[in-house]
Amino acid sequence: MFDSKIAFVVRDDLESWQRLNVVAFLATGIVAAAPDVLGETYIDAHHRPYSRISAQPMLIFAGDLAALQRTHRKGLERELTLVPYVQAMFATGNDADNRAVFLEEDADAMNLVGIALRGPKKAVDKVIKGLSLHP
């Protein structure tokens, strides 16, 4: 199967559109950090090519702020690939402003609304232990 695992943890108090938006942004961060997760080009019956997508499943979990902060802390301890998204990023309109508000966050107590992780399967499983799959 897969030696690595990809998981997203999204705050359970967000609007539906915010959850979807956060997961979409986090997925791009995972692919940027690990382009090897992409499969081959898709070809339809008329031989038209379509873009590649992840060849590996991505699981989505839900949790409160404390669960996301705990996931962040444990992910750092295990040196996993982490892609965080903080509340203040909802108020910006571009990447430069996103990075600016992210830099202003308390690095030990980020106001996380989502976090993606990738790493060895067993390590990711230990970090997300106790979280529930997103409904």
C-alpha atoms as a PDB file:
ATOM      1  CA  MET A   1       0.000   0.000   0.000  1.00  0.00           C
ATOM      2  CA  PHE A   2       1.532   3.350   1.069  1.00  0.00           C
ATOM      3  CA  ASP A   3       4.414   3.890   3.479  1.00  0.00           C
ATOM      4  CA  SER A   4       3.295   7.463   4.097  1.00  0.00           C
ATOM      5  CA  LYS A   5      -0.005   8.976   5.159  1.00  0.00           C
ATOM      6  CA  ILE A   6      -1.676  12.299   4.425  1.00  0.00           C
ATOM      7  CA  ALA A   7      -4.186  13.736   6.876  1.00  0.00           C
ATOM      8  CA  PHE A   8      -6.020  17.024   7.194  1.00  0.00           C
ATOM      9  CA  VAL A   9      -7.480  18.270  10.454  1.00  0.00           C
ATOM     10  CA  VAL A  10     -10.066  21.024  10.117  1.00  0.00           C
ATOM     11  CA  ARG A  11     -11.729  23.032  12.868  1.00  0.00           C
ATOM     12  CA  ASP A  12     -15.193  21.756  13.615  1.00  0.00           C
ATOM     13  CA  ASP A  13     -16.663  25.247  14.156  1.00  0.00           C
ATOM     14  CA  LEU A  14     -16.082  26.568  10.623  1.00  0.00           C
ATOM     15  CA  GLU A  15     -18.710  27.257   7.989  1.00  0.00           C
ATOM     16  CA  SER A  16     -18.878  24.556   5.297  1.00  0.00           C
ATOM     17  CA  TRP A  17     -17.345  26.821   2.653  1.00  0.00           C
ATOM     18  CA  GLN A  18     -14.460  27.637   5.002  1.00  0.00           C
ATOM     19  CA  ARG A  19     -13.744  23.941   5.652  1.00  0.00           C
ATOM     20  CA  LEU A  20     -13.671  23.192   1.939  1.00  0.00           C
ATOM     21  CA  ASN A  21     -11.521  26.235   1.228  1.00  0.00           C
ATOM     22  CA  VAL A  22      -9.030  25.314   3.943  1.00  0.00           C
ATOM     23  CA  VAL A  23      -8.705  21.705   2.743  1.00  0.00           C
ATOM     24  CA  ALA A  24      -8.170  22.883  -0.834  1.00  0.00           C
ATOM     25  CA  PHE A  25      -5.360  25.232   0.210  1.00  0.00           C
ATOM     26  CA  LEU A  26      -3.788  22.621   2.499  1.00  0.00           C
ATOM     27  CA  ALA A  27      -3.804  20.029  -0.301  1.00  0.00           C
ATOM     28  CA  THR A  28      -1.755  22.360  -2.496  1.00  0.00           C
ATOM     29  CA  GLY A  29       0.772  22.660   0.322  1.00  0.00           C
ATOM     30  CA  ILE A  30       1.111  18.884   0.575  1.00  0.00           C
ATOM     31  CA  VAL A  31       1.645  18.556  -3.187  1.00  0.00           C
ATOM     32  CA  ALA A  32       4.194  21.385  -3.125  1.00  0.00           C
ATOM     33  CA  ALA A  33       6.127  19.626  -0.352  1.00  0.00           C
ATOM     34  CA  ALA A  34       5.768  16.137  -1.853  1.00  0.00           C
ATOM     35  CA  PRO A  35       5.127  16.208  -5.612  1.00  0.00           C
ATOM     36  CA  ASP A  36       5.726  12.453  -5.676  1.00  0.00           C
ATOM     37  CA  VAL A  37       2.187  11.950  -4.331  1.00  0.00           C
ATOM     38  CA  LEU A  38       0.845  12.807  -7.779  1.00  0.00           C
ATOM     39  CA  GLY A  39      -0.176   9.946 -10.015  1.00  0.00           C
ATOM     40  CA  GLU A  40       0.045   9.797 -13.781  1.00  0.00           C
ATOM     41  CA  THR A  41      -1.890  11.911 -16.292  1.00  0.00           C
ATOM     42  CA  TYR A  42      -5.487  10.809 -16.818  1.00  0.00           C
ATOM     43  CA  ILE A  43      -6.534  10.016 -20.410  1.00  0.00           C
ATOM     44  CA  ASP A  44     -10.190   9.701 -21.420  1.00  0.00           C
ATOM     45  CA  ALA A  45     -11.653   7.367 -24.067  1.00  0.00           C
ATOM     46  CA  HIS A  46     -11.049  10.060 -26.734  1.00  0.00           C
ATOM     47  CA  HIS A  47      -7.367  10.200 -25.712  1.00  0.00           C
ATOM     48  CA  ARG A  48      -7.676  13.684 -24.220  1.00  0.00           C
ATOM     49  CA  PRO A  49      -5.226  14.290 -21.372  1.00  0.00           C
ATOM     50  CA  TYR A  50      -6.289  15.588 -17.962  1.00  0.00           C
ATOM     51  CA  SER A  51      -4.178  16.757 -15.075  1.00  0.00           C
ATOM     52  CA  ARG A  52      -2.734  14.398 -12.523  1.00  0.00           C
ATOM     53  CA  ILE A  53      -4.251  14.001  -9.059  1.00  0.00           C
ATOM     54  CA  SER A  54      -2.960  12.451  -5.882  1.00  0.00           C
ATOM     55  CA  ALA A  55      -2.358   8.727  -6.168  1.00  0.00           C
ATOM     56  CA  GLN A  56      -2.581   8.493  -2.388  1.00  0.00           C
ATOM     57  CA  PRO A  57      -5.740   8.813  -0.282  1.00  0.00           C
ATOM     58  CA  MET A  58      -6.067  11.887   1.899  1.00  0.00           C
ATOM     59  CA  LEU A  59      -8.096  11.566   5.107  1.00  0.00           C
ATOM     60  CA  ILE A  60      -9.938  14.507   6.635  1.00  0.00           C
ATOM     61  CA  PHE A  61     -10.508  14.787  10.374  1.00  0.00           C
ATOM     62  CA  ALA A  62     -12.335  17.373  12.477  1.00  0.00           C
ATOM     63  CA  GLY A  63     -11.402  18.852  15.815  1.00  0.00           C
ATOM     64  CA  ASP A  64     -11.530  21.921  17.989  1.00  0.00           C
ATOM     65  CA  LEU A  65      -8.754  24.485  18.344  1.00  0.00           C
ATOM     66  CA  ALA A  66      -7.062  22.510  21.138  1.00  0.00           C
ATOM     67  CA  ALA A  67      -7.004  19.379  18.950  1.00  0.00           C
ATOM     68  CA  LEU A  68      -5.430  21.296  16.068  1.00  0.00           C
ATOM     69  CA  GLN A  69      -2.818  22.860  18.350  1.00  0.00           C
ATOM     70  CA  ARG A  70      -2.019  19.433  19.811  1.00  0.00           C
ATOM     71  CA  THR A  71      -1.728  17.990  16.295  1.00  0.00           C
ATOM     72  CA  HIS A  72       0.611  20.833  15.346  1.00  0.00           C
ATOM     73  CA  ARG A  73       2.807  20.298  18.398  1.00  0.00           C
ATOM     74  CA  LYS A  74       2.993  16.515  17.935  1.00  0.00           C
ATOM     75  CA  GLY A  75       3.637  16.902  14.215  1.00  0.00           C
ATOM     76  CA  LEU A  76       6.583  19.181  14.941  1.00  0.00           C
ATOM     77  CA  GLU A  77       7.937  16.717  17.510  1.00  0.00           C
ATOM     78  CA  ARG A  78       7.806  13.902  14.937  1.00  0.00           C
ATOM     79  CA  GLU A  79       9.254  16.122  12.174  1.00  0.00           C
ATOM     80  CA  LEU A  80       6.324  15.546   9.817  1.00  0.00           C
ATOM     81  CA  THR A  81       5.579  17.744   6.822  1.00  0.00           C
ATOM     82  CA  LEU A  82       3.105  20.294   8.191  1.00  0.00           C
ATOM     83  CA  VAL A  83       0.932  22.785   6.333  1.00  0.00           C
ATOM     84  CA  PRO A  84      -0.907  25.097   8.754  1.00  0.00           C
ATOM     85  CA  TYR A  85      -3.751  27.515   7.984  1.00  0.00           C
ATOM     86  CA  VAL A  86      -4.642  30.160  10.575  1.00  0.00           C
ATOM     87  CA  GLN A  87      -7.862  32.111  11.171  1.00  0.00           C
ATOM     88  CA  ALA A  88      -6.312  35.455  10.173  1.00  0.00           C
ATOM     89  CA  MET A  89      -5.722  34.146   6.647  1.00  0.00           C
ATOM     90  CA  PHE A  90      -9.487  34.309   5.997  1.00  0.00           C
ATOM     91  CA  ALA A  91      -9.231  38.115   6.145  1.00  0.00           C
ATOM     92  CA  THR A  92      -6.494  38.470   3.535  1.00  0.00           C
ATOM     93  CA  GLY A  93      -6.743  38.494  -0.211  1.00  0.00           C
ATOM     94  CA  ASN A  94      -3.351  37.338  -1.397  1.00  0.00           C
ATOM     95  CA  ASP A  95      -0.359  35.163  -0.610  1.00  0.00           C
ATOM     96  CA  ALA A  96       1.878  37.992   0.623  1.00  0.00           C
ATOM     97  CA  ASP A  97      -0.732  39.073   3.179  1.00  0.00           C
ATOM     98  CA  ASN A  98      -1.302  35.440   4.188  1.00  0.00           C
ATOM     99  CA  ARG A  99       2.393  35.060   4.949  1.00  0.00           C
ATOM    100  CA  ALA A 100       2.417  38.363   6.850  1.00  0.00           C
ATOM    101  CA  VAL A 101      -0.476  37.417   9.153  1.00  0.00           C
ATOM    102  CA  PHE A 102       0.977  33.934   9.585  1.00  0.00           C
ATOM    103  CA  LEU A 103       4.286  35.443  10.712  1.00  0.00           C
ATOM    104  CA  GLU A 104       2.429  37.454  13.371  1.00  0.00           C
ATOM    105  CA  GLU A 105       0.890  34.316  14.943  1.00  0.00           C
ATOM    106  CA  ASP A 106       2.106  33.066  18.318  1.00  0.00           C
ATOM    107  CA  ALA A 107       4.147  30.093  17.052  1.00  0.00           C
ATOM    108  CA  ASP A 108       3.354  28.103  20.203  1.00  0.00           C
ATOM    109  CA  ALA A 109      -0.403  28.816  20.195  1.00  0.00           C
ATOM    110  CA  MET A 110      -1.501  29.422  16.609  1.00  0.00           C
ATOM    111  CA  ASN A 111      -5.173  30.147  15.991  1.00  0.00           C
ATOM    112  CA  LEU A 112      -5.341  27.190  13.604  1.00  0.00           C
ATOM    113  CA  VAL A 113      -8.382  26.466  11.462  1.00  0.00           C
ATOM    114  CA  GLY A 114      -6.697  23.641   9.590  1.00  0.00           C
ATOM    115  CA  ILE A 115      -3.504  21.681   9.371  1.00  0.00           C
ATOM    116  CA  ALA A 116      -2.261  19.078   6.918  1.00  0.00           C
ATOM    117  CA  LEU A 117       0.349  16.476   7.749  1.00  0.00           C
ATOM    118  CA  ARG A 118       2.313  13.963   5.769  1.00  0.00           C
ATOM    119  CA  GLY A 119       4.905  11.506   6.887  1.00  0.00           C
ATOM    120  CA  PRO A 120       5.495   7.883   7.752  1.00  0.00           C
ATOM    121  CA  LYS A 121       2.160   6.147   8.286  1.00  0.00           C
ATOM    122  CA  LYS A 122       2.845   5.096  11.890  1.00  0.00           C
ATOM    123  CA  ALA A 123       4.027   8.577  12.867  1.00  0.00           C
ATOM    124  CA  VAL A 124       0.967  10.277  11.363  1.00  0.00           C
ATOM    125  CA  ASP A 125      -1.309   7.719  13.048  1.00  0.00           C
ATOM    126  CA  LYS A 126       0.208   8.583  16.431  1.00  0.00           C
ATOM    127  CA  VAL A 127      -0.225  12.318  15.853  1.00  0.00           C
ATOM    128  CA  ILE A 128      -3.897  12.058  14.825  1.00  0.00           C
ATOM    129  CA  LYS A 129      -4.797   9.428  17.420  1.00  0.00           C
ATOM    130  CA  GLY A 130      -8.127  10.252  19.052  1.00  0.00           C
ATOM    131  CA  LEU A 131      -9.391  12.497  16.240  1.00  0.00           C
ATOM    132  CA  SER A 132     -12.608  11.633  14.424  1.00  0.00           C
ATOM    133  CA  LEU A 133     -13.021  11.555  10.672  1.00  0.00           C
ATOM    134  CA  HIS A 134     -14.811  14.608   9.338  1.00  0.00           C
ATOM    135  CA  PRO A 135     -18.522  13.872   9.085  1.00  0.00           C
END
